Amino acid sequence: MTLKKLLLLGLATTLSATLIACSGEDQTVSEPIAAAVDSTPGLTDGAYALISVDVTENGEVSSYLRDQMKIYTQDRFMFAFYNDLTDKVDAGTGYTHWVDGVLVETPIANQDGALKDLSFDLTITPTEAGFTQSLKGMKYGERSVNMVEQWKTLSNKTTVYDGLWKLDGRASEGDQWGDFMEMKLIGGGHFIFFQSMVIEGESIKHFGFGSFDVDEAGHVVETGITSSIEGFAGTESKLKMQLIDDNHMSQSFEYKGDTVTQTYVRI
């Protein structure tokens, strides 16, 4: 056998032995590493007022001005306004989280009741006044629209009462409203609520928002800005508000000469 053939045979034998040895060893297979999600908030918690909204439907753009507030606080959101597109109260609340610069809103309730299996990806761009919000494919029945909203910052103040609250009980000396439901969000020195009730067999829905101030003595004053309730705007209401514990709150106030006490659970 020639030297060249001996060298080739030795190389082949060594390679074969190496492959056999490797096949008998335990091989560690690395799992694919998932890309880390950036959950850094792209917007400061607070209360915001709508400046304008552009709605694009079938290539046509319509601009609207309306009284609308939105609050973001403690990974919760709420908005409320009277919707001219649907000619009714439009309000919603739920959870928020950030995914790589995109704000994901997960609604849990609106003016008609509980919601599930919904989420919206919002493109948020901070501006000098506040922020711009873009949402594509918003559904109104069979209609689909794209919306671009301009918002201005009202306040980033905080209080011990901040958070999302769901009505747990209600006692009133006067009204006899049935099936009363309310959600309330406090944050950014403001509040928003929406509620529903049955009065004389008719289902009624309302919303309202305004400023929320706590003085040094702990007294709470709410001043109405906009609401579907007649006479609400500009009205100053002094509330007796108390944190029962970390997850429960009560508030009492005068309504048409009667005392109303409402208790809430934190959501």
C-alpha atoms as a PDB file:
ATOM      1  CA  MET A   1       0.000   0.000   0.000  1.00  0.00           C
ATOM      2  CA  THR A   2       1.344   3.408  -0.891  1.00  0.00           C
ATOM      3  CA  LEU A   3       1.998   6.152   1.655  1.00  0.00           C
ATOM      4  CA  LYS A   4      -0.802   8.276   0.168  1.00  0.00           C
ATOM      5  CA  LYS A   5      -3.345   5.468   0.647  1.00  0.00           C
ATOM      6  CA  LEU A   6      -2.171   4.904   4.236  1.00  0.00           C
ATOM      7  CA  LEU A   7      -2.647   8.595   5.042  1.00  0.00           C
ATOM      8  CA  LEU A   8      -6.164   8.634   3.533  1.00  0.00           C
ATOM      9  CA  LEU A   9      -7.102   5.439   5.387  1.00  0.00           C
ATOM     10  CA  GLY A  10      -5.852   6.879   8.687  1.00  0.00           C
ATOM     11  CA  LEU A  11      -7.779  10.102   8.164  1.00  0.00           C
ATOM     12  CA  ALA A  12     -10.992   8.222   7.380  1.00  0.00           C
ATOM     13  CA  THR A  13     -10.568   5.969  10.430  1.00  0.00           C
ATOM     14  CA  THR A  14      -9.980   8.944  12.722  1.00  0.00           C
ATOM     15  CA  LEU A  15     -13.031  10.800  11.342  1.00  0.00           C
ATOM     16  CA  SER A  16     -15.222   7.696  11.693  1.00  0.00           C
ATOM     17  CA  ALA A  17     -14.122   7.137  15.286  1.00  0.00           C
ATOM     18  CA  THR A  18     -14.762  10.757  16.121  1.00  0.00           C
ATOM     19  CA  LEU A  19     -18.314  10.635  14.693  1.00  0.00           C
ATOM     20  CA  ILE A  20     -19.067   7.400  16.588  1.00  0.00           C
ATOM     21  CA  ALA A  21     -17.764   8.871  19.821  1.00  0.00           C
ATOM     22  CA  CYS A  22     -19.793  12.022  19.363  1.00  0.00           C
ATOM     23  CA  SER A  23     -22.952  10.066  18.604  1.00  0.00           C
ATOM     24  CA  GLY A  24     -22.629   8.249  21.921  1.00  0.00           C
ATOM     25  CA  GLU A  25     -22.271  11.424  24.007  1.00  0.00           C
ATOM     26  CA  ASP A  26     -25.173  13.344  25.508  1.00  0.00           C
ATOM     27  CA  GLN A  27     -25.693  16.380  23.356  1.00  0.00           C
ATOM     28  CA  THR A  28     -27.004  19.587  24.888  1.00  0.00           C
ATOM     29  CA  VAL A  29     -29.446  21.371  22.604  1.00  0.00           C
ATOM     30  CA  SER A  30     -30.004  25.024  23.421  1.00  0.00           C
ATOM     31  CA  GLU A  31     -33.594  26.209  23.376  1.00  0.00           C
ATOM     32  CA  PRO A  32     -34.235  29.276  21.232  1.00  0.00           C
ATOM     33  CA  ILE A  33     -33.955  32.388  23.376  1.00  0.00           C
ATOM     34  CA  ALA A  34     -37.085  34.519  23.128  1.00  0.00           C
ATOM     35  CA  ALA A  35     -36.455  38.155  22.455  1.00  0.00           C
ATOM     36  CA  ALA A  36     -36.956  40.233  25.589  1.00  0.00           C
ATOM     37  CA  VAL A  37     -40.098  42.360  25.538  1.00  0.00           C
ATOM     38  CA  ASP A  38     -39.562  46.028  26.313  1.00  0.00           C
ATOM     39  CA  SER A  39     -42.321  46.941  28.767  1.00  0.00           C
ATOM     40  CA  THR A  40     -41.057  50.462  29.439  1.00  0.00           C
ATOM     41  CA  PRO A  41     -44.028  52.876  29.566  1.00  0.00           C
ATOM     42  CA  GLY A  42     -44.034  55.386  26.745  1.00  0.00           C
ATOM     43  CA  LEU A  43     -46.432  57.741  28.500  1.00  0.00           C
ATOM     44  CA  THR A  44     -46.653  59.231  31.981  1.00  0.00           C
ATOM     45  CA  ASP A  45     -49.671  58.340  34.116  1.00  0.00           C
ATOM     46  CA  GLY A  46     -52.157  61.181  34.283  1.00  0.00           C
ATOM     47  CA  ALA A  47     -55.354  62.765  33.015  1.00  0.00           C
ATOM     48  CA  TYR A  48     -55.645  63.867  29.390  1.00  0.00           C
ATOM     49  CA  ALA A  49     -58.214  65.874  27.423  1.00  0.00           C
ATOM     50  CA  LEU A  50     -58.952  65.291  23.747  1.00  0.00           C
ATOM     51  CA  ILE A  51     -57.934  68.106  21.397  1.00  0.00           C
ATOM     52  CA  SER A  52     -59.214  66.618  18.142  1.00  0.00           C
ATOM     53  CA  VAL A  53     -59.812  63.327  16.353  1.00  0.00           C
ATOM     54  CA  ASP A  54     -59.481  62.460  12.658  1.00  0.00           C
ATOM     55  CA  VAL A  55     -61.577  59.499  11.504  1.00  0.00           C
ATOM     56  CA  THR A  56     -60.769  57.823   8.175  1.00  0.00           C
ATOM     57  CA  GLU A  57     -63.468  55.639   6.639  1.00  0.00           C
ATOM     58  CA  ASN A  58     -63.327  54.331   3.069  1.00  0.00           C
ATOM     59  CA  GLY A  59     -60.594  56.831   2.271  1.00  0.00           C
ATOM     60  CA  GLU A  60     -62.567  59.850   3.519  1.00  0.00           C
ATOM     61  CA  VAL A  61     -61.282  61.826   6.513  1.00  0.00           C
ATOM     62  CA  SER A  62     -63.619  63.542   8.977  1.00  0.00           C
ATOM     63  CA  SER A  63     -62.419  65.704  11.866  1.00  0.00           C
ATOM     64  CA  TYR A  64     -64.256  65.948  15.181  1.00  0.00           C
ATOM     65  CA  LEU A  65     -64.071  68.106  18.281  1.00  0.00           C
ATOM     66  CA  ARG A  66     -65.656  66.710  21.431  1.00  0.00           C
ATOM     67  CA  ASP A  67     -65.432  66.841  25.201  1.00  0.00           C
ATOM     68  CA  GLN A  68     -63.580  63.674  26.118  1.00  0.00           C
ATOM     69  CA  MET A  69     -61.224  62.728  28.900  1.00  0.00           C
ATOM     70  CA  LYS A  70     -58.925  59.763  29.337  1.00  0.00           C
ATOM     71  CA  ILE A  71     -57.011  58.709  32.430  1.00  0.00           C
ATOM     72  CA  TYR A  72     -54.060  56.335  32.623  1.00  0.00           C
ATOM     73  CA  THR A  73     -52.979  55.227  36.088  1.00  0.00           C
ATOM     74  CA  GLN A  74     -51.613  52.088  37.749  1.00  0.00           C
ATOM     75  CA  ASP A  75     -51.844  50.063  34.509  1.00  0.00           C
ATOM     76  CA  ARG A  76     -55.518  50.978  34.145  1.00  0.00           C
ATOM     77  CA  PHE A  77     -57.359  53.227  31.704  1.00  0.00           C
ATOM     78  CA  MET A  78     -60.761  54.820  31.304  1.00  0.00           C
ATOM     79  CA  PHE A  79     -62.354  57.152  28.777  1.00  0.00           C
ATOM     80  CA  ALA A  80     -65.823  58.639  28.397  1.00  0.00           C
ATOM     81  CA  PHE A  81     -67.689  60.932  26.004  1.00  0.00           C
ATOM     82  CA  TYR A  82     -70.910  61.288  24.040  1.00  0.00           C
ATOM     83  CA  ASN A  83     -70.329  59.626  20.679  1.00  0.00           C
ATOM     84  CA  ASP A  84     -71.925  61.435  17.737  1.00  0.00           C
ATOM     85  CA  LEU A  85     -71.148  58.461  15.476  1.00  0.00           C
ATOM     86  CA  THR A  86     -73.399  56.172  17.522  1.00  0.00           C
ATOM     87  CA  ASP A  87     -75.568  58.847  19.179  1.00  0.00           C
ATOM     88  CA  LYS A  88     -75.056  57.441  22.681  1.00  0.00           C
ATOM     89  CA  VAL A  89     -72.734  57.409  25.680  1.00  0.00           C
ATOM     90  CA  ASP A  90     -69.369  55.848  24.832  1.00  0.00           C
ATOM     91  CA  ALA A  91     -67.201  54.817  27.771  1.00  0.00           C
ATOM     92  CA  GLY A  92     -64.784  52.038  28.569  1.00  0.00           C
ATOM     93  CA  THR A  93     -62.207  50.850  31.058  1.00  0.00           C
ATOM     94  CA  GLY A  94     -59.658  48.095  31.458  1.00  0.00           C
ATOM     95  CA  TYR A  95     -56.007  47.122  31.781  1.00  0.00           C
ATOM     96  CA  THR A  96     -52.921  48.416  29.992  1.00  0.00           C
ATOM     97  CA  HIS A  97     -49.425  47.139  29.318  1.00  0.00           C
ATOM     98  CA  TRP A  98     -46.586  48.126  27.001  1.00  0.00           C
ATOM     99  CA  VAL A  99     -44.998  45.865  24.392  1.00  0.00           C
ATOM    100  CA  ASP A 100     -41.982  47.259  22.561  1.00  0.00           C
ATOM    101  CA  GLY A 101     -43.314  50.807  22.546  1.00  0.00           C
ATOM    102  CA  VAL A 102     -46.913  49.844  21.703  1.00  0.00           C
ATOM    103  CA  LEU A 103     -49.637  50.427  24.289  1.00  0.00           C
ATOM    104  CA  VAL A 104     -51.987  47.446  24.564  1.00  0.00           C
ATOM    105  CA  GLU A 105     -55.398  48.188  26.054  1.00  0.00           C
ATOM    106  CA  THR A 106     -57.548  45.287  27.250  1.00  0.00           C
ATOM    107  CA  PRO A 107     -61.109  46.498  27.924  1.00  0.00           C
ATOM    108  CA  ILE A 108     -63.047  44.775  30.702  1.00  0.00           C
ATOM    109  CA  ALA A 109     -66.228  46.891  30.746  1.00  0.00           C
ATOM    110  CA  ASN A 110     -68.077  49.602  28.879  1.00  0.00           C
ATOM    111  CA  GLN A 111     -71.365  51.458  29.176  1.00  0.00           C
ATOM    112  CA  ASP A 112     -73.252  48.271  28.274  1.00  0.00           C
ATOM    113  CA  GLY A 113     -71.573  45.930  30.780  1.00  0.00           C
ATOM    114  CA  ALA A 114     -68.680  43.469  31.016  1.00  0.00           C
ATOM    115  CA  LEU A 115     -66.339  42.805  28.079  1.00  0.00           C
ATOM    116  CA  LYS A 116     -63.904  39.995  27.306  1.00  0.00           C
ATOM    117  CA  ASP A 117     -61.568  38.754  24.563  1.00  0.00           C
ATOM    118  CA  LEU A 118     -60.811  42.280  23.299  1.00  0.00           C
ATOM    119  CA  SER A 119     -57.537  44.155  22.964  1.00  0.00           C
ATOM    120  CA  PHE A 120     -56.322  47.170  21.026  1.00  0.00           C
ATOM    121  CA  ASP A 121     -52.776  48.027  19.979  1.00  0.00           C
ATOM    122  CA  LEU A 122     -52.276  51.787  20.169  1.00  0.00           C
ATOM    123  CA  THR A 123     -49.399  53.697  18.682  1.00  0.00           C
ATOM    124  CA  ILE A 124     -48.565  56.441  21.184  1.00  0.00           C
ATOM    125  CA  THR A 125     -46.342  59.359  20.212  1.00  0.00           C
ATOM    126  CA  PRO A 126     -45.513  61.888  22.968  1.00  0.00           C
ATOM    127  CA  THR A 127     -45.923  65.540  21.958  1.00  0.00           C
ATOM    128  CA  GLU A 128     -45.158  68.849  23.626  1.00  0.00           C
ATOM    129  CA  ALA A 129     -48.825  69.204  24.602  1.00  0.00           C
ATOM    130  CA  GLY A 130     -49.444  65.570  25.504  1.00  0.00           C
ATOM    131  CA  PHE A 131     -49.546  62.720  22.982  1.00  0.00           C
ATOM    132  CA  THR A 132     -50.934  61.428  19.691  1.00  0.00           C
ATOM    133  CA  GLN A 133     -52.811  58.126  19.617  1.00  0.00           C
ATOM    134  CA  SER A 134     -53.320  56.081  16.436  1.00  0.00           C
ATOM    135  CA  LEU A 135     -55.710  53.142  16.147  1.00  0.00           C
ATOM    136  CA  LYS A 136     -56.437  51.182  12.992  1.00  0.00           C
ATOM    137  CA  GLY A 137     -59.513  49.054  12.318  1.00  0.00           C
ATOM    138  CA  MET A 138     -61.809  50.374  15.037  1.00  0.00           C
ATOM    139  CA  LYS A 139     -65.186  48.648  14.695  1.00  0.00           C
ATOM    140  CA  TYR A 140     -68.576  50.348  14.943  1.00  0.00           C
ATOM    141  CA  GLY A 141     -71.003  47.575  14.057  1.00  0.00           C
ATOM    142  CA  GLU A 142     -70.191  46.705  10.446  1.00  0.00           C
ATOM    143  CA  ARG A 143     -68.143  49.867  10.003  1.00  0.00           C
ATOM    144  CA  SER A 144     -64.347  49.943  10.265  1.00  0.00           C
ATOM    145  CA  VAL A 145     -62.488  53.213  10.783  1.00  0.00           C
ATOM    146  CA  ASN A 146     -58.970  54.415  11.480  1.00  0.00           C
ATOM    147  CA  MET A 147     -58.607  57.036  14.197  1.00  0.00           C
ATOM    148  CA  VAL A 148     -55.862  59.527  15.023  1.00  0.00           C
ATOM    149  CA  GLU A 149     -56.411  61.450  18.243  1.00  0.00           C
ATOM    150  CA  GLN A 150     -54.534  64.458  19.636  1.00  0.00           C
ATOM    151  CA  TRP A 151     -54.473  64.730  23.440  1.00  0.00           C
ATOM    152  CA  LYS A 152     -53.248  67.357  25.897  1.00  0.00           C
ATOM    153  CA  THR A 153     -52.024  66.757  29.438  1.00  0.00           C
ATOM    154  CA  LEU A 154     -54.291  68.031  32.200  1.00  0.00           C
ATOM    155  CA  SER A 155     -52.348  66.831  35.227  1.00  0.00           C
ATOM    156  CA  ASN A 156     -50.026  64.129  36.507  1.00  0.00           C
ATOM    157  CA  LYS A 157     -50.907  64.586  40.181  1.00  0.00           C
ATOM    158  CA  THR A 158     -51.498  61.549  42.383  1.00  0.00           C
ATOM    159  CA  THR A 159     -53.648  60.886  45.451  1.00  0.00           C
ATOM    160  CA  VAL A 160     -54.166  57.975  47.827  1.00  0.00           C
ATOM    161  CA  TYR A 161     -57.501  57.283  46.107  1.00  0.00           C
ATOM    162  CA  ASP A 162     -56.016  56.711  42.653  1.00  0.00           C
ATOM    163  CA  GLY A 163     -57.047  53.518  40.909  1.00  0.00           C
ATOM    164  CA  LEU A 164     -59.895  51.738  39.176  1.00  0.00           C
ATOM    165  CA  TRP A 165     -62.953  51.161  41.349  1.00  0.00           C
ATOM    166  CA  LYS A 166     -66.097  49.097  40.766  1.00  0.00           C
ATOM    167  CA  LEU A 167     -69.288  49.807  42.677  1.00  0.00           C
ATOM    168  CA  ASP A 168     -69.885  47.132  45.308  1.00  0.00           C
ATOM    169  CA  GLY A 169     -72.853  48.573  47.186  1.00  0.00           C
ATOM    170  CA  ARG A 170     -75.111  51.625  47.259  1.00  0.00           C
ATOM    171  CA  ALA A 171     -77.438  53.058  49.898  1.00  0.00           C
ATOM    172  CA  SER A 172     -79.659  56.066  49.243  1.00  0.00           C
ATOM    173  CA  GLU A 173     -82.320  57.749  51.329  1.00  0.00           C
ATOM    174  CA  GLY A 174     -84.161  58.949  48.260  1.00  0.00           C
ATOM    175  CA  ASP A 175     -83.894  57.261  44.881  1.00  0.00           C
ATOM    176  CA  GLN A 176     -85.083  53.724  44.213  1.00  0.00           C
ATOM    177  CA  TRP A 177     -82.956  52.984  41.175  1.00  0.00           C
ATOM    178  CA  GLY A 178     -82.581  49.346  40.205  1.00  0.00           C
ATOM    179  CA  ASP A 179     -79.624  47.434  38.741  1.00  0.00           C
ATOM    180  CA  PHE A 180     -77.264  50.324  39.497  1.00  0.00           C
ATOM    181  CA  MET A 181     -73.735  49.784  38.136  1.00  0.00           C
ATOM    182  CA  GLU A 182     -70.770  52.146  38.181  1.00  0.00           C
ATOM    183  CA  MET A 183     -67.079  52.099  37.321  1.00  0.00           C
ATOM    184  CA  LYS A 184     -64.841  54.956  38.435  1.00  0.00           C
ATOM    185  CA  LEU A 185     -61.194  55.762  37.746  1.00  0.00           C
ATOM    186  CA  ILE A 186     -59.278  58.330  39.771  1.00  0.00           C
ATOM    187  CA  GLY A 187     -55.868  59.585  38.662  1.00  0.00           C
ATOM    188  CA  GLY A 188     -53.989  62.617  37.432  1.00  0.00           C
ATOM    189  CA  GLY A 189     -55.964  64.917  39.715  1.00  0.00           C
ATOM    190  CA  HIS A 190     -59.188  63.980  37.894  1.00  0.00           C
ATOM    191  CA  PHE A 191     -61.924  61.346  37.844  1.00  0.00           C
ATOM    192  CA  ILE A 192     -64.093  59.602  35.269  1.00  0.00           C
ATOM    193  CA  PHE A 193     -67.157  57.467  35.885  1.00  0.00           C
ATOM    194  CA  PHE A 194     -69.775  55.692  33.833  1.00  0.00           C
ATOM    195  CA  GLN A 195     -72.913  54.125  35.208  1.00  0.00           C
ATOM    196  CA  SER A 196     -76.155  52.423  34.282  1.00  0.00           C
ATOM    197  CA  MET A 197     -79.444  51.985  36.106  1.00  0.00           C
ATOM    198  CA  VAL A 198     -83.104  51.180  35.604  1.00  0.00           C
ATOM    199  CA  ILE A 199     -85.605  53.941  36.360  1.00  0.00           C
ATOM    200  CA  GLU A 200     -89.314  53.194  35.995  1.00  0.00           C
ATOM    201  CA  GLY A 201     -88.488  50.252  33.748  1.00  0.00           C
ATOM    202  CA  GLU A 202     -86.182  52.236  31.460  1.00  0.00           C
ATOM    203  CA  SER A 203     -82.449  51.516  31.144  1.00  0.00           C
ATOM    204  CA  ILE A 204     -80.454  54.729  31.651  1.00  0.00           C
ATOM    205  CA  LYS A 205     -76.728  55.222  31.000  1.00  0.00           C
ATOM    206  CA  HIS A 206     -74.599  58.162  32.117  1.00  0.00           C
ATOM    207  CA  PHE A 207     -70.986  59.295  32.238  1.00  0.00           C
ATOM    208  CA  GLY A 208     -69.135  62.179  33.808  1.00  0.00           C
ATOM    209  CA  PHE A 209     -65.658  63.503  34.452  1.00  0.00           C
ATOM    210  CA  GLY A 210     -63.993  66.375  36.246  1.00  0.00           C
ATOM    211  CA  SER A 211     -61.240  67.466  38.599  1.00  0.00           C
ATOM    212  CA  PHE A 212     -60.433  65.645  41.843  1.00  0.00           C
ATOM    213  CA  ASP A 213     -58.801  67.549  44.694  1.00  0.00           C
ATOM    214  CA  VAL A 214     -57.811  66.507  48.205  1.00  0.00           C
ATOM    215  CA  ASP A 215     -56.984  69.297  50.665  1.00  0.00           C
ATOM    216  CA  GLU A 216     -54.553  69.124  53.584  1.00  0.00           C
ATOM    217  CA  ALA A 217     -57.348  68.041  55.912  1.00  0.00           C
ATOM    218  CA  GLY A 218     -58.200  65.125  53.629  1.00  0.00           C
ATOM    219  CA  HIS A 219     -61.453  66.567  52.289  1.00  0.00           C
ATOM    220  CA  VAL A 220     -62.284  65.537  48.720  1.00  0.00           C
ATOM    221  CA  VAL A 221     -63.819  67.960  46.231  1.00  0.00           C
ATOM    222  CA  GLU A 222     -64.958  66.889  42.760  1.00  0.00           C
ATOM    223  CA  THR A 223     -65.754  69.584  40.208  1.00  0.00           C
ATOM    224  CA  GLY A 224     -67.699  68.481  37.153  1.00  0.00           C
ATOM    225  CA  ILE A 225     -66.409  69.292  33.667  1.00  0.00           C
ATOM    226  CA  THR A 226     -68.627  67.280  31.316  1.00  0.00           C
ATOM    227  CA  SER A 227     -71.401  64.738  31.781  1.00  0.00           C
ATOM    228  CA  SER A 228     -74.564  63.337  30.274  1.00  0.00           C
ATOM    229  CA  ILE A 229     -76.229  64.307  33.575  1.00  0.00           C
ATOM    230  CA  GLU A 230     -77.961  67.676  33.366  1.00  0.00           C
ATOM    231  CA  GLY A 231     -76.406  70.344  35.577  1.00  0.00           C
ATOM    232  CA  PHE A 232     -73.256  68.325  36.291  1.00  0.00           C
ATOM    233  CA  ALA A 233     -70.769  70.627  34.519  1.00  0.00           C
ATOM    234  CA  GLY A 234     -69.328  73.214  36.874  1.00  0.00           C
ATOM    235  CA  THR A 235     -70.913  71.640  39.952  1.00  0.00           C
ATOM    236  CA  GLU A 236     -68.648  71.313  42.984  1.00  0.00           C
ATOM    237  CA  SER A 237     -69.328  68.256  45.149  1.00  0.00           C
ATOM    238  CA  LYS A 238     -67.802  67.662  48.564  1.00  0.00           C
ATOM    239  CA  LEU A 239     -67.354  63.964  49.249  1.00  0.00           C
ATOM    240  CA  LYS A 240     -66.749  62.077  52.452  1.00  0.00           C
ATOM    241  CA  MET A 241     -64.287  59.545  51.058  1.00  0.00           C
ATOM    242  CA  GLN A 242     -62.485  56.822  52.975  1.00  0.00           C
ATOM    243  CA  LEU A 243     -60.109  53.972  52.166  1.00  0.00           C
ATOM    244  CA  ILE A 244     -61.509  51.017  54.109  1.00  0.00           C
ATOM    245  CA  ASP A 245     -58.400  48.982  53.240  1.00  0.00           C
ATOM    246  CA  ASP A 246     -56.051  48.704  50.263  1.00  0.00           C
ATOM    247  CA  ASN A 247     -58.792  47.311  48.042  1.00  0.00           C
ATOM    248  CA  HIS A 248     -62.015  48.882  49.312  1.00  0.00           C
ATOM    249  CA  MET A 249     -63.269  52.462  49.392  1.00  0.00           C
ATOM    250  CA  SER A 250     -66.423  54.307  50.395  1.00  0.00           C
ATOM    251  CA  GLN A 251     -67.774  57.711  49.456  1.00  0.00           C
ATOM    252  CA  SER A 252     -70.786  59.653  50.718  1.00  0.00           C
ATOM    253  CA  PHE A 253     -72.346  62.764  49.207  1.00  0.00           C
ATOM    254  CA  GLU A 254     -75.543  64.777  49.075  1.00  0.00           C
ATOM    255  CA  TYR A 255     -77.838  64.315  46.075  1.00  0.00           C
ATOM    256  CA  LYS A 256     -81.060  66.306  45.825  1.00  0.00           C
ATOM    257  CA  GLY A 257     -81.138  66.686  49.589  1.00  0.00           C
ATOM    258  CA  ASP A 258     -80.529  63.014  50.333  1.00  0.00           C
ATOM    259  CA  THR A 259     -77.361  61.262  51.520  1.00  0.00           C
ATOM    260  CA  VAL A 260     -75.940  58.643  49.171  1.00  0.00           C
ATOM    261  CA  THR A 261     -73.249  56.197  50.335  1.00  0.00           C
ATOM    262  CA  GLN A 262     -71.421  54.033  47.827  1.00  0.00           C
ATOM    263  CA  THR A 263     -68.785  51.371  48.447  1.00  0.00           C
ATOM    264  CA  TYR A 264     -66.260  50.208  45.855  1.00  0.00           C
ATOM    265  CA  VAL A 265     -63.809  47.378  45.320  1.00  0.00           C
ATOM    266  CA  ARG A 266     -60.487  47.979  43.593  1.00  0.00           C
ATOM    267  CA  ILE A 267     -60.034  46.379  40.170  1.00  0.00           C
END
